[in-house]
PDB file of all heavy atoms in Angstrom:
ATOM      1  N   ALA A   1      -2.508  12.491  -2.095  1.00  0.00           N
ATOM      2  CA  ALA A   1      -2.979  12.756  -0.733  1.00  0.00           C
ATOM      3  C   ALA A   1      -3.803  11.584  -0.223  1.00  0.00           C
ATOM      4  O   ALA A   1      -4.245  10.721  -0.982  1.00  0.00           O
ATOM      5  CB  ALA A   1      -3.813  14.038  -0.706  1.00  0.00           C
ATOM      6  N   LEU A   2      -4.006  11.581   1.083  1.00  0.00           N
ATOM      7  CA  LEU A   2      -4.837  10.589   1.758  1.00  0.00           C
ATOM      8  C   LEU A   2      -5.937  11.318   2.516  1.00  0.00           C
ATOM      9  O   LEU A   2      -5.751  12.472   2.933  1.00  0.00           O
ATOM     10  CB  LEU A   2      -4.004   9.759   2.738  1.00  0.00           C
ATOM     11  CG  LEU A   2      -2.836   8.976   2.160  1.00  0.00           C
ATOM     12  CD1 LEU A   2      -1.940   8.460   3.298  1.00  0.00           C
ATOM     13  CD2 LEU A   2      -3.323   7.816   1.305  1.00  0.00           C
ATOM     14  N   GLN A   3      -7.054  10.648   2.710  1.00  0.00           N
ATOM     15  CA  GLN A   3      -8.119  11.193   3.546  1.00  0.00           C
ATOM     16  C   GLN A   3      -8.193  10.324   4.801  1.00  0.00           C
ATOM     17  O   GLN A   3      -8.355   9.107   4.718  1.00  0.00           O
ATOM     18  CB  GLN A   3      -9.445  11.176   2.796  1.00  0.00           C
ATOM     19  CG  GLN A   3     -10.478  12.123   3.364  1.00  0.00           C
ATOM     20  CD  GLN A   3     -11.603  12.396   2.387  1.00  0.00           C
ATOM     21  OE1 GLN A   3     -11.373  12.871   1.286  1.00  0.00           O
ATOM     22  NE2 GLN A   3     -12.816  12.082   2.783  1.00  0.00           N
ATOM     23  N   VAL A   4      -8.054  10.963   5.950  1.00  0.00           N
ATOM     24  CA  VAL A   4      -7.956  10.253   7.225  1.00  0.00           C
ATOM     25  C   VAL A   4      -9.166  10.584   8.079  1.00  0.00           C
ATOM     26  O   VAL A   4      -9.610  11.741   8.130  1.00  0.00           O
ATOM     27  CB  VAL A   4      -6.656  10.658   7.962  1.00  0.00           C
ATOM     28  CG1 VAL A   4      -6.591  10.025   9.347  1.00  0.00           C
ATOM     29  CG2 VAL A   4      -5.437  10.254   7.142  1.00  0.00           C
ATOM     30  N   ALA A   5      -9.708   9.573   8.757  1.00  0.00           N
ATOM     31  CA  ALA A   5     -10.850   9.774   9.646  1.00  0.00           C
ATOM     32  C   ALA A   5     -10.357   9.904  11.083  1.00  0.00           C
ATOM     33  O   ALA A   5      -9.958   8.907  11.697  1.00  0.00           O
ATOM     34  CB  ALA A   5     -11.815   8.597   9.520  1.00  0.00           C
ATOM     35  N   PRO A   6     -10.351  11.117  11.656  1.00  0.00           N
ATOM     36  CA  PRO A   6      -9.909  11.282  13.037  1.00  0.00           C
ATOM     37  C   PRO A   6     -11.000  10.861  14.011  1.00  0.00           C
ATOM     38  O   PRO A   6     -12.169  10.729  13.631  1.00  0.00           O
ATOM     39  CB  PRO A   6      -9.634  12.782  13.146  1.00  0.00           C
ATOM     40  CG  PRO A   6     -10.629  13.381  12.204  1.00  0.00           C
ATOM     41  CD  PRO A   6     -10.765  12.399  11.058  1.00  0.00           C
ATOM     42  N   HIS A   7     -10.637  10.649  15.255  1.00  0.00           N
ATOM     43  CA  HIS A   7     -11.631  10.367  16.270  1.00  0.00           C
ATOM     44  C   HIS A   7     -12.399  11.645  16.602  1.00  0.00           C
ATOM     45  O   HIS A   7     -11.895  12.763  16.441  1.00  0.00           O
ATOM     46  CB  HIS A   7     -10.971   9.806  17.529  1.00  0.00           C
ATOM     47  CG  HIS A   7     -10.304   8.482  17.306  1.00  0.00           C
ATOM     48  ND1 HIS A   7     -10.999   7.351  16.956  1.00  0.00           N
ATOM     49  CD2 HIS A   7      -9.000   8.121  17.364  1.00  0.00           C
ATOM     50  CE1 HIS A   7     -10.158   6.342  16.817  1.00  0.00           C
ATOM     51  NE2 HIS A   7      -8.936   6.783  17.051  1.00  0.00           N
ATOM     52  N   ALA A   8     -13.614  11.518  17.072  1.00  0.00           N
ATOM     53  CA  ALA A   8     -14.463  12.666  17.370  1.00  0.00           C
ATOM     54  C   ALA A   8     -13.772  13.631  18.328  1.00  0.00           C
ATOM     55  O   ALA A   8     -13.236  13.229  19.357  1.00  0.00           O
ATOM     56  CB  ALA A   8     -15.792  12.195  17.964  1.00  0.00           C
ATOM     57  N   GLY A   9     -13.781  14.898  17.944  1.00  0.00           N
ATOM     58  CA  GLY A   9     -13.243  15.938  18.815  1.00  0.00           C
ATOM     59  C   GLY A   9     -11.735  16.012  18.890  1.00  0.00           C
ATOM     60  O   GLY A   9     -11.195  16.725  19.733  1.00  0.00           O
ATOM     61  N   GLU A  10     -11.029  15.296  18.012  1.00  0.00           N
ATOM     62  CA  GLU A  10      -9.570  15.259  18.105  1.00  0.00           C
ATOM     63  C   GLU A  10      -8.885  15.818  16.869  1.00  0.00           C
ATOM     64  O   GLU A  10      -7.773  15.424  16.530  1.00  0.00           O
ATOM     65  CB  GLU A  10      -9.098  13.810  18.329  1.00  0.00           C
ATOM     66  CG  GLU A  10      -9.546  13.210  19.641  1.00  0.00           C
ATOM     67  CD  GLU A  10      -9.008  11.802  19.855  1.00  0.00           C
ATOM     68  OE1 GLU A  10      -8.328  11.291  18.943  1.00  0.00           O
ATOM     69  OE2 GLU A  10      -9.262  11.235  20.931  1.00  0.00           O
ATOM     70  N   VAL A  11      -9.531  16.765  16.190  1.00  0.00           N
ATOM     71  CA  VAL A  11      -8.989  17.261  14.934  1.00  0.00           C
ATOM     72  C   VAL A  11      -7.642  17.952  15.127  1.00  0.00           C
ATOM     73  O   VAL A  11      -6.660  17.631  14.454  1.00  0.00           O
ATOM     74  CB  VAL A  11      -9.993  18.217  14.258  1.00  0.00           C
ATOM     75  CG1 VAL A  11      -9.354  18.892  13.044  1.00  0.00           C
ATOM     76  CG2 VAL A  11     -11.234  17.453  13.832  1.00  0.00           C
ATOM     77  N   ALA A  12      -7.579  18.914  16.036  1.00  0.00           N
ATOM     78  CA  ALA A  12      -6.333  19.658  16.236  1.00  0.00           C
ATOM     79  C   ALA A  12      -5.201  18.740  16.675  1.00  0.00           C
ATOM     80  O   ALA A  12      -4.066  18.833  16.176  1.00  0.00           O
ATOM     81  CB  ALA A  12      -6.550  20.772  17.265  1.00  0.00           C
ATOM     82  N   ASP A  13      -5.489  17.849  17.616  1.00  0.00           N
ATOM     83  CA  ASP A  13      -4.469  16.914  18.085  1.00  0.00           C
ATOM     84  C   ASP A  13      -4.039  15.971  16.971  1.00  0.00           C
ATOM     85  O   ASP A  13      -2.852  15.668  16.814  1.00  0.00           O
ATOM     86  CB  ASP A  13      -5.008  16.115  19.269  1.00  0.00           C
ATOM     87  CG  ASP A  13      -4.007  15.096  19.793  1.00  0.00           C
ATOM     88  OD1 ASP A  13      -2.937  15.517  20.289  1.00  0.00           O
ATOM     89  OD2 ASP A  13      -4.280  13.880  19.680  1.00  0.00           O
ATOM     90  N   ALA A  14      -5.019  15.514  16.174  1.00  0.00           N
ATOM     91  CA  ALA A  14      -4.702  14.601  15.075  1.00  0.00           C
ATOM     92  C   ALA A  14      -3.818  15.276  14.037  1.00  0.00           C
ATOM     93  O   ALA A  14      -2.858  14.677  13.539  1.00  0.00           O
ATOM     94  CB  ALA A  14      -5.998  14.090  14.432  1.00  0.00           C
ATOM     95  N   ILE A  15      -4.115  16.530  13.702  1.00  0.00           N
ATOM     96  CA  ILE A  15      -3.295  17.259  12.732  1.00  0.00           C
ATOM     97  C   ILE A  15      -1.866  17.368  13.229  1.00  0.00           C
ATOM     98  O   ILE A  15      -0.898  17.133  12.480  1.00  0.00           O
ATOM     99  CB  ILE A  15      -3.888  18.656  12.466  1.00  0.00           C
ATOM    100  CG1 ILE A  15      -5.177  18.525  11.649  1.00  0.00           C
ATOM    101  CG2 ILE A  15      -2.884  19.551  11.746  1.00  0.00           C
ATOM    102  CD1 ILE A  15      -5.901  19.833  11.425  1.00  0.00           C
ATOM    103  N   GLU A  16      -1.694  17.704  14.505  1.00  0.00           N
ATOM    104  CA  GLU A  16      -0.347  17.841  15.068  1.00  0.00           C
ATOM    105  C   GLU A  16       0.415  16.522  14.992  1.00  0.00           C
ATOM    106  O   GLU A  16       1.590  16.491  14.621  1.00  0.00           O
ATOM    107  CB  GLU A  16      -0.449  18.322  16.517  1.00  0.00           C
ATOM    108  CG  GLU A  16       0.903  18.597  17.164  1.00  0.00           C
ATOM    109  CD  GLU A  16       0.763  19.182  18.557  1.00  0.00           C
ATOM    110  OE1 GLU A  16      -0.359  19.607  18.920  1.00  0.00           O
ATOM    111  OE2 GLU A  16       1.772  19.208  19.281  1.00  0.00           O
ATOM    112  N   ARG A  17      -0.265  15.430  15.322  1.00  0.00           N
ATOM    113  CA  ARG A  17       0.401  14.125  15.291  1.00  0.00           C
ATOM    114  C   ARG A  17       0.715  13.689  13.862  1.00  0.00           C
ATOM    115  O   ARG A  17       1.770  13.128  13.586  1.00  0.00           O
ATOM    116  CB  ARG A  17      -0.486  13.083  15.972  1.00  0.00           C
ATOM    117  CG  ARG A  17      -0.588  13.273  17.486  1.00  0.00           C
ATOM    118  CD  ARG A  17      -1.721  12.428  18.060  1.00  0.00           C
ATOM    119  NE  ARG A  17      -1.575  11.009  17.685  1.00  0.00           N
ATOM    120  CZ  ARG A  17      -2.588  10.172  17.559  1.00  0.00           C
ATOM    121  NH1 ARG A  17      -3.834  10.596  17.747  1.00  0.00           N
ATOM    122  NH2 ARG A  17      -2.372   8.906  17.245  1.00  0.00           N
ATOM    123  N   ILE A  18      -0.216  13.958  12.937  1.00  0.00           N
ATOM    124  CA  ILE A  18      -0.001  13.559  11.542  1.00  0.00           C
ATOM    125  C   ILE A  18       1.157  14.324  10.916  1.00  0.00           C
ATOM    126  O   ILE A  18       1.967  13.768  10.171  1.00  0.00           O
ATOM    127  CB  ILE A  18      -1.300  13.768  10.737  1.00  0.00           C
ATOM    128  CG1 ILE A  18      -2.348  12.736  11.154  1.00  0.00           C
ATOM    129  CG2 ILE A  18      -1.037  13.669   9.235  1.00  0.00           C
ATOM    130  CD1 ILE A  18      -3.728  12.990  10.585  1.00  0.00           C
ATOM    131  N   GLU A  19       1.255  15.613  11.222  1.00  0.00           N
ATOM    132  CA  GLU A  19       2.312  16.422  10.614  1.00  0.00           C
ATOM    133  C   GLU A  19       3.706  16.054  11.118  1.00  0.00           C
ATOM    134  O   GLU A  19       4.708  16.490  10.545  1.00  0.00           O
ATOM    135  CB  GLU A  19       2.026  17.905  10.843  1.00  0.00           C
ATOM    136  CG  GLU A  19       0.838  18.414  10.032  1.00  0.00           C
ATOM    137  CD  GLU A  19       0.668  19.916  10.099  1.00  0.00           C
ATOM    138  OE1 GLU A  19       1.044  20.505  11.144  1.00  0.00           O
ATOM    139  OE2 GLU A  19       0.162  20.497   9.125  1.00  0.00           O
ATOM    140  N   GLU A  20       3.771  15.257  12.164  1.00  0.00           N
ATOM    141  CA  GLU A  20       5.061  14.766  12.644  1.00  0.00           C
ATOM    142  C   GLU A  20       5.533  13.520  11.900  1.00  0.00           C
ATOM    143  O   GLU A  20       6.675  13.099  12.034  1.00  0.00           O
ATOM    144  CB  GLU A  20       4.963  14.441  14.141  1.00  0.00           C
ATOM    145  CG  GLU A  20       4.740  15.661  15.031  1.00  0.00           C
ATOM    146  CD  GLU A  20       4.488  15.288  16.479  1.00  0.00           C
ATOM    147  OE1 GLU A  20       4.296  14.078  16.747  1.00  0.00           O
ATOM    148  OE2 GLU A  20       4.464  16.205  17.333  1.00  0.00           O
ATOM    149  N   VAL A  21       4.638  12.937  11.086  1.00  0.00           N
ATOM    150  CA  VAL A  21       4.964  11.706  10.365  1.00  0.00           C
ATOM    151  C   VAL A  21       5.829  12.023   9.153  1.00  0.00           C
ATOM    152  O   VAL A  21       5.553  12.954   8.394  1.00  0.00           O
ATOM    153  CB  VAL A  21       3.663  10.991   9.923  1.00  0.00           C
ATOM    154  CG1 VAL A  21       3.977   9.788   9.034  1.00  0.00           C
ATOM    155  CG2 VAL A  21       2.863  10.562  11.145  1.00  0.00           C
ATOM    156  N   ALA A  22       6.873  11.265   8.968  1.00  0.00           N
ATOM    157  CA  ALA A  22       7.777  11.457   7.836  1.00  0.00           C
ATOM    158  C   ALA A  22       7.023  11.298   6.523  1.00  0.00           C
ATOM    159  O   ALA A  22       6.241  10.365   6.342  1.00  0.00           O
ATOM    160  CB  ALA A  22       8.918  10.442   7.908  1.00  0.00           C
ATOM    161  N   GLY A  23       7.251  12.250   5.616  1.00  0.00           N
ATOM    162  CA  GLY A  23       6.618  12.198   4.308  1.00  0.00           C
ATOM    163  C   GLY A  23       5.328  12.974   4.201  1.00  0.00           C
ATOM    164  O   GLY A  23       4.784  13.121   3.099  1.00  0.00           O
ATOM    165  N   VAL A  24       4.813  13.502   5.315  1.00  0.00           N
ATOM    166  CA  VAL A  24       3.581  14.287   5.282  1.00  0.00           C
ATOM    167  C   VAL A  24       3.916  15.737   4.941  1.00  0.00           C
ATOM    168  O   VAL A  24       4.756  16.360   5.584  1.00  0.00           O
ATOM    169  CB  VAL A  24       2.836  14.211   6.632  1.00  0.00           C
ATOM    170  CG1 VAL A  24       1.691  15.226   6.671  1.00  0.00           C
ATOM    171  CG2 VAL A  24       2.295  12.805   6.849  1.00  0.00           C
ATOM    172  N   ARG A  25       3.244  16.267   3.922  1.00  0.00           N
ATOM    173  CA  ARG A  25       3.470  17.653   3.493  1.00  0.00           C
ATOM    174  C   ARG A  25       2.539  18.616   4.217  1.00  0.00           C
ATOM    175  O   ARG A  25       2.916  19.736   4.551  1.00  0.00           O
ATOM    176  CB  ARG A  25       3.269  17.757   1.982  1.00  0.00           C
ATOM    177  CG  ARG A  25       3.592  19.128   1.394  1.00  0.00           C
ATOM    178  CD  ARG A  25       3.824  19.052  -0.114  1.00  0.00           C
ATOM    179  NE  ARG A  25       2.632  18.626  -0.831  1.00  0.00           N
ATOM    180  CZ  ARG A  25       1.776  19.463  -1.405  1.00  0.00           C
ATOM    181  NH1 ARG A  25       1.965  20.774  -1.306  1.00  0.00           N
ATOM    182  NH2 ARG A  25       0.728  19.011  -2.061  1.00  0.00           N
ATOM    183  N   TYR A  26       1.291  18.212   4.426  1.00  0.00           N
ATOM    184  CA  TYR A  26       0.340  19.034   5.169  1.00  0.00           C
ATOM    185  C   TYR A  26      -0.788  18.145   5.664  1.00  0.00           C
ATOM    186  O   TYR A  26      -0.998  17.036   5.161  1.00  0.00           O
ATOM    187  CB  TYR A  26      -0.244  20.168   4.307  1.00  0.00           C
ATOM    188  CG  TYR A  26      -1.088  19.692   3.155  1.00  0.00           C
ATOM    189  CD1 TYR A  26      -2.447  19.399   3.318  1.00  0.00           C
ATOM    190  CD2 TYR A  26      -0.528  19.513   1.889  1.00  0.00           C
ATOM    191  CE1 TYR A  26      -3.221  18.938   2.270  1.00  0.00           C
ATOM    192  CE2 TYR A  26      -1.301  19.055   0.831  1.00  0.00           C
ATOM    193  CZ  TYR A  26      -2.636  18.769   1.022  1.00  0.00           C
ATOM    194  OH  TYR A  26      -3.394  18.305  -0.026  1.00  0.00           O
ATOM    195  N   ALA A  27      -1.516  18.625   6.646  1.00  0.00           N
ATOM    196  CA  ALA A  27      -2.745  17.975   7.117  1.00  0.00           C
ATOM    197  C   ALA A  27      -3.736  19.077   7.451  1.00  0.00           C
ATOM    198  O   ALA A  27      -3.392  20.033   8.159  1.00  0.00           O
ATOM    199  CB  ALA A  27      -2.474  17.105   8.337  1.00  0.00           C
ATOM    200  N   GLU A  28      -4.956  18.963   6.922  1.00  0.00           N
ATOM    201  CA  GLU A  28      -5.947  19.996   7.170  1.00  0.00           C
ATOM    202  C   GLU A  28      -7.345  19.388   7.083  1.00  0.00           C
ATOM    203  O   GLU A  28      -7.556  18.371   6.413  1.00  0.00           O
ATOM    204  CB  GLU A  28      -5.824  21.131   6.154  1.00  0.00           C
ATOM    205  CG  GLU A  28      -6.006  20.707   4.720  1.00  0.00           C
ATOM    206  CD  GLU A  28      -5.691  21.829   3.734  1.00  0.00           C
ATOM    207  OE1 GLU A  28      -4.899  22.726   4.064  1.00  0.00           O
ATOM    208  OE2 GLU A  28      -6.239  21.787   2.627  1.00  0.00           O
ATOM    209  N   PRO A  29      -8.320  19.975   7.784  1.00  0.00           N
ATOM    210  CA  PRO A  29      -9.683  19.446   7.720  1.00  0.00           C
ATOM    211  C   PRO A  29     -10.273  19.592   6.323  1.00  0.00           C
ATOM    212  O   PRO A  29      -9.993  20.576   5.627  1.00  0.00           O
ATOM    213  CB  PRO A  29     -10.455  20.320   8.721  1.00  0.00           C
ATOM    214  CG  PRO A  29      -9.406  20.951   9.580  1.00  0.00           C
ATOM    215  CD  PRO A  29      -8.193  21.111   8.707  1.00  0.00           C
ATOM    216  N   LEU A  30     -11.064  18.625   5.913  1.00  0.00           N
ATOM    217  CA  LEU A  30     -11.811  18.732   4.669  1.00  0.00           C
ATOM    218  C   LEU A  30     -12.804  19.891   4.811  1.00  0.00           C
ATOM    219  O   LEU A  30     -13.555  19.951   5.776  1.00  0.00           O
ATOM    220  CB  LEU A  30     -12.577  17.437   4.406  1.00  0.00           C
ATOM    221  CG  LEU A  30     -13.411  17.379   3.127  1.00  0.00           C
ATOM    222  CD1 LEU A  30     -12.503  17.179   1.928  1.00  0.00           C
ATOM    223  CD2 LEU A  30     -14.430  16.263   3.210  1.00  0.00           C
ATOM    224  N   ALA A  31     -12.782  20.808   3.868  1.00  0.00           N
ATOM    225  CA  ALA A  31     -13.663  21.981   3.935  1.00  0.00           C
ATOM    226  C   ALA A  31     -14.822  21.812   2.982  1.00  0.00           C
ATOM    227  O   ALA A  31     -14.661  21.307   1.868  1.00  0.00           O
ATOM    228  CB  ALA A  31     -12.868  23.237   3.582  1.00  0.00           C
ATOM    229  N   ARG A  32     -16.009  22.210   3.423  1.00  0.00           N
ATOM    230  CA  ARG A  32     -17.164  22.216   2.543  1.00  0.00           C
ATOM    231  C   ARG A  32     -17.139  23.481   1.685  1.00  0.00           C
ATOM    232  O   ARG A  32     -16.694  24.543   2.128  1.00  0.00           O
ATOM    233  CB  ARG A  32     -18.465  22.194   3.343  1.00  0.00           C
ATOM    234  CG  ARG A  32     -18.653  21.015   4.243  1.00  0.00           C
ATOM    235  CD  ARG A  32     -18.704  19.691   3.539  1.00  0.00           C
ATOM    236  NE  ARG A  32     -19.675  19.613   2.468  1.00  0.00           N
ATOM    237  CZ  ARG A  32     -20.004  18.481   1.842  1.00  0.00           C
ATOM    238  NH1 ARG A  32     -19.419  17.335   2.202  1.00  0.00           N
ATOM    239  NH2 ARG A  32     -20.886  18.469   0.866  1.00  0.00           N
TER     240      ARG A  32
END
């Protein structure tokens, strides 16, 4: 896996865009 730093306030949009990338299995926020 990779850890990606999204821009502030763009988590949902970033997840949608990342999951469209070939080879990505999932994208989700790091949970505490």
